[in-house]
Amino acid sequence: MGKLNAEDWIRAGFRSLTMGGPQAIKIEKIAVDLKVSKGSFYWHFKNLQSYKAAMMAFWQQWGTAQVIAQINTKDASAKERLVHLLTTATEPNRADIGGRQAEAAIRDWAKYDKNVAATIREIDRTRLEYVAALFEQTGQSPPRAAQSARIVYGALIGLETLHSPHGDFIREDLLELLEKLIG
C-alpha cells in the first residue's frame, strides 16, 4: 500500500467500527489492518480523540453535505429529487467505509460517546430538514412534510439495521413508501 492519507485512516476506522463496534477503534488494530506502523497515524492525528472527531466530521460531510449537494445539482422535480436521494442513500457500494451497516454502527457508537451523539443529532436535524423541504415542494403542508420526512428517514434507518444478506429490498421498500406518502 502506498503512503496513507488521513482519509485512508478514517475509512479504515469505519470498517473497524462496523466489524467490531466502538471498542474496535484502536490505533494499533487499525494500523495492523492497514499494514503500517502507528507512526503513520500520528502523522495525521494528534490522538485517538482527534481521530474520532475527524471520523465524525468526515461522516457529516460525506454522508450528508455531499449527498445533499449532489441532489441539489439535479434539475429535477422535488419528487425526482426524493427518488434520487433514496437511490443514493441505498447504494450498496460502501464497502470502503464498512458497508451498509456503517450507519447502524455509528448510531450504536453514539450510545457510548457524547461527541458522536451530538454529531448524529446534527446530522439527523440536517437530513430531516432537507427531506421535509423536498416534501413541502411536492405540495405537502409543513407539518405533513415534517412527518413524511420522519417516516421515510426512520424507515431508512430501520431497514438498514435489519441484518439481511438480501439488502436489495431496502431501496424497493423505500421507493414504495415514498409513492404512498406523495400519492
Protein backbone atom coordinates (compact mmCIF):
# COMPACT_ATOMS: atom_id res chain seq x y z
CA MET A 1 0.00 0.00 0.00
CA GLY A 2 1.31 3.46 -0.87
CA LYS A 3 1.53 6.36 1.53
CA LEU A 4 -1.68 6.67 3.53
CA ASN A 5 -3.56 9.90 3.94
CA ALA A 6 -5.94 10.90 6.74
CA GLU A 7 -8.98 9.75 4.78
CA ASP A 8 -7.48 6.25 4.41
CA TRP A 9 -7.23 6.07 8.19
CA ILE A 10 -10.76 7.43 8.62
CA ARG A 11 -12.26 4.91 6.22
CA ALA A 12 -10.35 2.12 8.00
CA GLY A 13 -11.77 3.37 11.28
CA PHE A 14 -15.31 2.99 9.94
CA ARG A 15 -14.53 -0.53 8.75
CA SER A 16 -13.23 -1.39 12.22
CA LEU A 17 -16.27 0.21 13.85
CA THR A 18 -18.65 -1.72 11.61
CA MET A 19 -16.90 -5.03 12.19
CA GLY A 20 -16.16 -4.74 15.91
CA GLY A 21 -18.12 -1.88 17.44
CA PRO A 22 -16.78 1.25 19.14
CA GLN A 23 -14.22 -0.73 21.13
CA ALA A 24 -12.57 -1.76 17.85
CA ILE A 25 -11.47 1.82 17.12
CA LYS A 26 -7.93 1.26 18.35
CA ILE A 27 -4.85 2.77 16.75
CA GLU A 28 -2.81 -0.44 16.96
CA LYS A 29 -5.53 -2.62 15.46
CA ILE A 30 -6.25 -0.26 12.60
CA ALA A 31 -2.51 0.13 11.88
CA VAL A 32 -2.21 -3.66 11.64
CA ASP A 33 -5.24 -3.78 9.32
CA LEU A 34 -3.64 -1.10 7.14
CA LYS A 35 -0.23 -2.83 7.31
CA VAL A 36 1.52 0.29 8.61
CA SER A 37 3.10 1.46 11.84
CA LYS A 38 1.33 3.56 14.46
CA GLY A 39 3.64 6.41 13.44
CA SER A 40 1.58 6.83 10.28
CA PHE A 41 -1.46 7.51 12.46
CA TYR A 42 0.32 10.25 14.43
CA TRP A 43 1.39 11.93 11.21
CA HIS A 44 -2.30 12.72 10.58
CA PHE A 45 -3.92 12.80 14.03
CA LYS A 46 -2.89 14.19 17.41
CA ASN A 47 -4.53 11.38 19.38
CA LEU A 48 -7.42 8.93 19.35
CA GLN A 49 -9.94 11.61 20.33
CA SER A 50 -8.95 13.85 17.41
CA TYR A 51 -9.19 10.80 15.13
CA LYS A 52 -12.72 10.04 16.30
CA ALA A 53 -13.68 13.69 15.79
CA ALA A 54 -12.23 13.54 12.27
CA MET A 55 -14.23 10.37 11.59
CA MET A 56 -17.45 12.10 12.54
CA ALA A 57 -16.60 15.26 10.60
CA PHE A 58 -15.96 13.03 7.58
CA TRP A 59 -19.29 11.24 8.08
CA GLN A 60 -21.12 14.54 8.38
CA GLN A 61 -19.54 15.82 5.16
CA TRP A 62 -19.54 12.58 3.15
CA GLY A 63 -22.84 11.13 4.35
CA THR A 64 -24.89 14.30 4.46
CA ALA A 65 -23.45 17.51 2.97
CA GLN A 66 -22.05 15.88 -0.19
CA VAL A 67 -25.24 13.90 -0.76
CA ILE A 68 -27.42 17.00 -0.42
CA ALA A 69 -25.11 18.96 -2.72
CA GLN A 70 -25.25 16.15 -5.30
CA ILE A 71 -29.06 16.00 -5.17
CA ASN A 72 -29.30 19.80 -5.45
CA THR A 73 -27.28 19.81 -8.68
CA LYS A 74 -30.04 17.84 -10.40
CA ASP A 75 -32.51 19.84 -12.46
CA ALA A 76 -35.46 17.79 -11.30
CA SER A 77 -38.77 17.99 -9.52
CA ALA A 78 -38.94 17.54 -5.75
CA LYS A 79 -40.35 14.02 -6.22
CA GLU A 80 -37.50 13.13 -8.60
CA ARG A 81 -35.02 14.51 -6.07
CA LEU A 82 -36.57 12.38 -3.33
CA VAL A 83 -36.29 9.31 -5.54
CA HIS A 84 -32.67 10.17 -6.35
CA LEU A 85 -31.94 10.76 -2.65
CA LEU A 86 -33.34 7.36 -1.65
CA THR A 87 -31.49 5.69 -4.50
CA THR A 88 -28.24 7.33 -3.43
CA ALA A 89 -28.80 6.52 0.24
CA THR A 90 -29.30 2.84 -0.55
CA GLU A 91 -26.28 2.34 -2.78
CA PRO A 92 -24.62 -0.94 -1.84
CA ASN A 93 -21.08 0.17 -2.79
CA ARG A 94 -19.92 1.46 0.59
CA ALA A 95 -17.50 -1.34 1.49
CA ASP A 96 -14.61 1.12 1.90
CA ILE A 97 -16.39 2.63 4.92
CA GLY A 98 -17.84 -0.56 6.38
CA GLY A 99 -20.70 -1.33 4.04
CA ARG A 100 -24.41 -0.91 4.58
CA GLN A 101 -24.08 -1.39 8.32
CA ALA A 102 -21.88 1.69 8.82
CA GLU A 103 -24.78 3.98 9.72
CA ALA A 104 -26.14 1.49 12.27
CA ALA A 105 -22.66 1.06 13.75
CA ILE A 106 -22.26 4.84 14.11
CA ARG A 107 -25.65 5.09 15.79
CA ASP A 108 -24.62 2.34 18.20
CA TRP A 109 -21.36 4.20 18.89
CA ALA A 110 -23.39 7.32 19.72
CA LYS A 111 -24.89 5.45 22.69
CA TYR A 112 -21.43 5.42 24.30
CA ASP A 113 -19.84 8.66 23.12
CA LYS A 114 -21.45 12.05 23.76
CA ASN A 115 -19.47 13.73 20.97
CA VAL A 116 -20.64 11.16 18.43
CA ALA A 117 -24.20 11.53 19.75
CA ALA A 118 -24.04 15.31 19.27
CA THR A 119 -22.83 14.92 15.70
CA ILE A 120 -25.54 12.36 14.95
CA ARG A 121 -28.19 14.78 16.29
CA GLU A 122 -26.84 17.48 13.96
CA ILE A 123 -26.75 15.08 11.01
CA ASP A 124 -30.31 13.93 11.72
CA ARG A 125 -31.52 17.53 12.00
CA THR A 126 -29.90 18.49 8.69
CA ARG A 127 -31.19 15.41 6.88
CA LEU A 128 -34.72 15.74 8.24
CA GLU A 129 -34.92 19.44 7.38
CA TYR A 130 -33.72 18.72 3.85
CA VAL A 131 -36.16 15.87 3.25
CA ALA A 132 -39.03 17.86 4.79
CA ALA A 133 -38.25 20.77 2.44
CA LEU A 134 -38.45 18.39 -0.52
CA PHE A 135 -41.80 17.05 0.69
CA GLU A 136 -43.04 20.64 1.05
CA GLN A 137 -42.02 21.24 -2.57
CA THR A 138 -44.32 18.35 -3.57
CA GLY A 139 -47.22 20.32 -2.09
CA GLN A 140 -47.38 18.96 1.46
CA SER A 141 -48.04 21.35 4.33
CA PRO A 142 -45.05 21.97 6.62
CA PRO A 143 -46.39 19.72 9.42
CA ARG A 144 -47.24 16.92 6.96
CA ALA A 145 -43.87 17.33 5.20
CA ALA A 146 -42.03 17.06 8.52
CA GLN A 147 -43.99 13.91 9.33
CA SER A 148 -43.30 12.39 5.91
CA ALA A 149 -39.59 13.16 6.36
CA ARG A 150 -39.54 11.41 9.75
CA ILE A 151 -41.36 8.38 8.33
CA VAL A 152 -39.02 7.97 5.36
CA TYR A 153 -35.87 8.65 7.38
CA GLY A 154 -36.95 6.34 10.17
CA ALA A 155 -37.74 3.63 7.63
CA LEU A 156 -34.30 4.03 6.04
CA ILE A 157 -32.54 3.73 9.40
CA GLY A 158 -34.70 0.81 10.44
CA LEU A 159 -34.35 -1.12 7.21
CA GLU A 160 -30.57 -0.65 7.25
CA THR A 161 -30.38 -2.15 10.73
CA LEU A 162 -32.05 -5.35 9.57
CA HIS A 163 -29.13 -7.71 9.12
CA SER A 164 -30.31 -9.28 5.90
CA PRO A 165 -27.95 -10.64 3.29
CA HIS A 166 -30.57 -9.52 0.79
CA GLY A 167 -30.35 -5.76 1.25
CA ASP A 168 -31.78 -5.12 -2.19
CA PHE A 169 -35.28 -4.83 -0.71
CA ILE A 170 -34.37 -1.62 1.12
CA ARG A 171 -34.48 0.60 -1.95
CA GLU A 172 -37.62 -1.06 -3.30
CA ASP A 173 -39.41 -0.71 0.05
CA LEU A 174 -38.41 2.93 0.48
CA LEU A 175 -39.48 3.88 -3.02
CA GLU A 176 -42.84 2.18 -2.43
CA LEU A 177 -43.21 4.10 0.85
CA LEU A 178 -42.34 7.35 -0.92
CA GLU A 179 -45.03 6.68 -3.52
CA LYS A 180 -47.61 6.15 -0.75
CA LEU A 181 -46.59 9.36 1.05
CA ILE A 182 -46.67 11.55 -2.02
CA GLY A 183 -49.64 9.88 -3.65
